[in-house]
Amino acid sequence: MSKLTIGLLLCLAFLSIFPACKKDKTNPAPTVISTSSNVADAIAQYKSMLGPDRGGVPGTQGVDGFREVNWDGLTDEESAPNLYSPELFNAPTAPRARGLVLSTPGTGLMVSADS
């Protein structure tokens, strides 16, 4: 059997196991945000669609909103040449209770330092 035939059979098997998702009847078309000049305005528009910034307060914050990670707020000890702590933005207390845990199959993650 050729690789193409095996690939097609795997795709068909996948489709038979996982049927197509039902389309959302209330909002069938995606919302597209685009810009040709000011990226900050497009980002602000996207954020306003998500809801309020839930910040770094621990616990459940509601069904809408988002939590933003600000890499610029890292200290020199949390930046290169030191490895980033995977749990840094998953702290149990504010302001870093963002629910973010990063991992890598490599040695670690490093964030650029100020200088």
C-alpha atoms as a PDB file:
ATOM      1  CA  MET A   1       0.000   0.000   0.000  1.00  0.00           C
ATOM      2  CA  SER A   2       1.332   3.442  -0.853  1.00  0.00           C
ATOM      3  CA  LYS A   3       1.798   6.192   1.727  1.00  0.00           C
ATOM      4  CA  LEU A   4      -0.925   8.214  -0.005  1.00  0.00           C
ATOM      5  CA  THR A   5      -3.431   5.356   0.300  1.00  0.00           C
ATOM      6  CA  ILE A   6      -2.574   4.842   3.967  1.00  0.00           C
ATOM      7  CA  GLY A   7      -2.933   8.586   4.589  1.00  0.00           C
ATOM      8  CA  LEU A   8      -6.352   8.675   2.933  1.00  0.00           C
ATOM      9  CA  LEU A   9      -7.516   5.663   4.934  1.00  0.00           C
ATOM     10  CA  LEU A  10      -6.364   7.313   8.173  1.00  0.00           C
ATOM     11  CA  CYS A  11      -8.229  10.508   7.251  1.00  0.00           C
ATOM     12  CA  LEU A  12     -11.410   8.569   6.536  1.00  0.00           C
ATOM     13  CA  ALA A  13     -11.085   6.651   9.804  1.00  0.00           C
ATOM     14  CA  PHE A  14     -10.610   9.945  11.684  1.00  0.00           C
ATOM     15  CA  LEU A  15     -13.667  11.504  10.036  1.00  0.00           C
ATOM     16  CA  SER A  16     -15.825   8.483  10.869  1.00  0.00           C
ATOM     17  CA  ILE A  17     -14.775   8.580  14.528  1.00  0.00           C
ATOM     18  CA  PHE A  18     -15.078  12.365  14.926  1.00  0.00           C
ATOM     19  CA  PRO A  19     -18.165  13.611  13.068  1.00  0.00           C
ATOM     20  CA  ALA A  20     -18.327  17.211  11.881  1.00  0.00           C
ATOM     21  CA  CYS A  21     -19.096  19.807  14.540  1.00  0.00           C
ATOM     22  CA  LYS A  22     -22.469  21.489  14.438  1.00  0.00           C
ATOM     23  CA  LYS A  23     -22.360  25.063  13.220  1.00  0.00           C
ATOM     24  CA  ASP A  24     -23.369  27.796  15.641  1.00  0.00           C
ATOM     25  CA  LYS A  25     -26.781  28.933  14.393  1.00  0.00           C
ATOM     26  CA  THR A  26     -26.675  32.255  16.247  1.00  0.00           C
ATOM     27  CA  ASN A  27     -23.427  33.509  14.705  1.00  0.00           C
ATOM     28  CA  PRO A  28     -22.500  31.439  11.641  1.00  0.00           C
ATOM     29  CA  ALA A  29     -19.838  33.814  10.288  1.00  0.00           C
ATOM     30  CA  PRO A  30     -16.558  34.578  12.086  1.00  0.00           C
ATOM     31  CA  THR A  31     -15.688  38.140  13.006  1.00  0.00           C
ATOM     32  CA  VAL A  32     -12.626  39.373  11.156  1.00  0.00           C
ATOM     33  CA  ILE A  33     -10.548  42.260  12.453  1.00  0.00           C
ATOM     34  CA  SER A  34      -8.010  43.683  10.070  1.00  0.00           C
ATOM     35  CA  THR A  35      -5.877  46.769   9.807  1.00  0.00           C
ATOM     36  CA  SER A  36      -3.408  48.253   7.401  1.00  0.00           C
ATOM     37  CA  SER A  37      -1.877  50.808   9.714  1.00  0.00           C
ATOM     38  CA  ASN A  38      -2.487  50.999  13.467  1.00  0.00           C
ATOM     39  CA  VAL A  39      -2.108  47.552  15.030  1.00  0.00           C
ATOM     40  CA  ALA A  40      -2.853  48.933  18.512  1.00  0.00           C
ATOM     41  CA  ASP A  41      -6.392  49.898  17.447  1.00  0.00           C
ATOM     42  CA  ALA A  42      -7.044  46.413  16.023  1.00  0.00           C
ATOM     43  CA  ILE A  43      -5.742  44.791  19.221  1.00  0.00           C
ATOM     44  CA  ALA A  44      -7.965  47.071  21.322  1.00  0.00           C
ATOM     45  CA  GLN A  45     -10.968  46.121  19.179  1.00  0.00           C
ATOM     46  CA  TYR A  46     -10.179  42.406  19.615  1.00  0.00           C
ATOM     47  CA  LYS A  47      -9.808  42.790  23.382  1.00  0.00           C
ATOM     48  CA  SER A  48     -13.118  44.652  23.633  1.00  0.00           C
ATOM     49  CA  MET A  49     -14.823  41.689  21.947  1.00  0.00           C
ATOM     50  CA  LEU A  50     -13.376  39.292  24.546  1.00  0.00           C
ATOM     51  CA  GLY A  51     -14.634  41.262  27.521  1.00  0.00           C
ATOM     52  CA  PRO A  52     -12.800  42.712  30.508  1.00  0.00           C
ATOM     53  CA  ASP A  53      -9.138  42.085  31.302  1.00  0.00           C
ATOM     54  CA  ARG A  54      -9.344  39.781  34.342  1.00  0.00           C
ATOM     55  CA  GLY A  55      -5.779  40.638  35.324  1.00  0.00           C
ATOM     56  CA  GLY A  56      -3.756  38.564  37.717  1.00  0.00           C
ATOM     57  CA  VAL A  57      -6.394  37.999  40.383  1.00  0.00           C
ATOM     58  CA  PRO A  58      -6.576  34.291  41.313  1.00  0.00           C
ATOM     59  CA  GLY A  59      -9.740  32.247  40.980  1.00  0.00           C
ATOM     60  CA  THR A  60     -12.638  32.056  38.567  1.00  0.00           C
ATOM     61  CA  GLN A  61     -13.416  35.441  37.071  1.00  0.00           C
ATOM     62  CA  GLY A  62     -16.545  34.843  35.017  1.00  0.00           C
ATOM     63  CA  VAL A  63     -17.388  33.406  31.631  1.00  0.00           C
ATOM     64  CA  ASP A  64     -16.070  36.258  29.541  1.00  0.00           C
ATOM     65  CA  GLY A  65     -12.865  38.234  29.501  1.00  0.00           C
ATOM     66  CA  PHE A  66      -9.199  37.415  29.208  1.00  0.00           C
ATOM     67  CA  ARG A  67      -5.944  37.436  31.136  1.00  0.00           C
ATOM     68  CA  GLU A  68      -3.037  39.224  29.520  1.00  0.00           C
ATOM     69  CA  VAL A  69       0.598  38.286  30.066  1.00  0.00           C
ATOM     70  CA  ASN A  70       2.999  41.218  30.032  1.00  0.00           C
ATOM     71  CA  TRP A  71       6.502  39.955  29.355  1.00  0.00           C
ATOM     72  CA  ASP A  72       7.865  43.477  29.849  1.00  0.00           C
ATOM     73  CA  GLY A  73       7.130  43.185  33.566  1.00  0.00           C
ATOM     74  CA  LEU A  74       9.762  40.482  34.170  1.00  0.00           C
ATOM     75  CA  THR A  75      12.705  41.303  36.396  1.00  0.00           C
ATOM     76  CA  ASP A  76      16.330  40.744  35.395  1.00  0.00           C
ATOM     77  CA  GLU A  77      16.372  37.598  37.577  1.00  0.00           C
ATOM     78  CA  GLU A  78      13.488  36.207  35.489  1.00  0.00           C
ATOM     79  CA  SER A  79      15.195  37.049  32.177  1.00  0.00           C
ATOM     80  CA  ALA A  80      18.250  35.940  30.186  1.00  0.00           C
ATOM     81  CA  PRO A  81      20.712  34.469  30.962  1.00  0.00           C
ATOM     82  CA  ASN A  82      18.431  32.869  33.568  1.00  0.00           C
ATOM     83  CA  LEU A  83      15.782  30.367  32.516  1.00  0.00           C
ATOM     84  CA  TYR A  84      12.170  31.443  32.821  1.00  0.00           C
ATOM     85  CA  SER A  85      10.194  29.692  35.564  1.00  0.00           C
ATOM     86  CA  PRO A  86       7.385  27.703  33.863  1.00  0.00           C
ATOM     87  CA  GLU A  87       4.987  28.544  36.734  1.00  0.00           C
ATOM     88  CA  LEU A  88       5.765  32.297  36.841  1.00  0.00           C
ATOM     89  CA  PHE A  89       2.336  33.303  35.483  1.00  0.00           C
ATOM     90  CA  ASN A  90       0.481  30.597  37.398  1.00  0.00           C
ATOM     91  CA  ALA A  91       1.047  31.993  40.874  1.00  0.00           C
ATOM     92  CA  PRO A  92      -1.640  31.472  43.552  1.00  0.00           C
ATOM     93  CA  THR A  93      -1.577  35.216  44.352  1.00  0.00           C
ATOM     94  CA  ALA A  94      -1.927  38.473  42.407  1.00  0.00           C
ATOM     95  CA  PRO A  95      -0.531  39.882  40.180  1.00  0.00           C
ATOM     96  CA  ARG A  96       0.743  36.726  38.464  1.00  0.00           C
ATOM     97  CA  ALA A  97      -2.252  34.409  38.811  1.00  0.00           C
ATOM     98  CA  ARG A  98      -2.837  34.196  35.073  1.00  0.00           C
ATOM     99  CA  GLY A  99      -3.282  30.442  34.645  1.00  0.00           C
ATOM    100  CA  LEU A 100      -0.347  30.097  32.251  1.00  0.00           C
ATOM    101  CA  VAL A 101       2.162  27.254  32.493  1.00  0.00           C
ATOM    102  CA  LEU A 102       4.755  26.923  29.732  1.00  0.00           C
ATOM    103  CA  SER A 103       6.833  23.866  28.960  1.00  0.00           C
ATOM    104  CA  THR A 104       9.309  22.770  26.348  1.00  0.00           C
ATOM    105  CA  PRO A 105      10.847  19.451  25.350  1.00  0.00           C
ATOM    106  CA  GLY A 106      14.171  21.309  25.377  1.00  0.00           C
ATOM    107  CA  THR A 107      16.291  22.733  28.177  1.00  0.00           C
ATOM    108  CA  GLY A 108      14.018  25.631  29.067  1.00  0.00           C
ATOM    109  CA  LEU A 109      12.611  28.978  28.029  1.00  0.00           C
ATOM    110  CA  MET A 110      14.523  32.234  28.165  1.00  0.00           C
ATOM    111  CA  VAL A 111      13.023  35.733  27.951  1.00  0.00           C
ATOM    112  CA  SER A 112      15.135  38.640  26.686  1.00  0.00           C
ATOM    113  CA  ALA A 113      16.582  40.897  29.349  1.00  0.00           C
ATOM    114  CA  ASP A 114      16.502  44.702  29.378  1.00  0.00           C
ATOM    115  CA  SER A 115      20.133  45.100  28.401  1.00  0.00           C
END
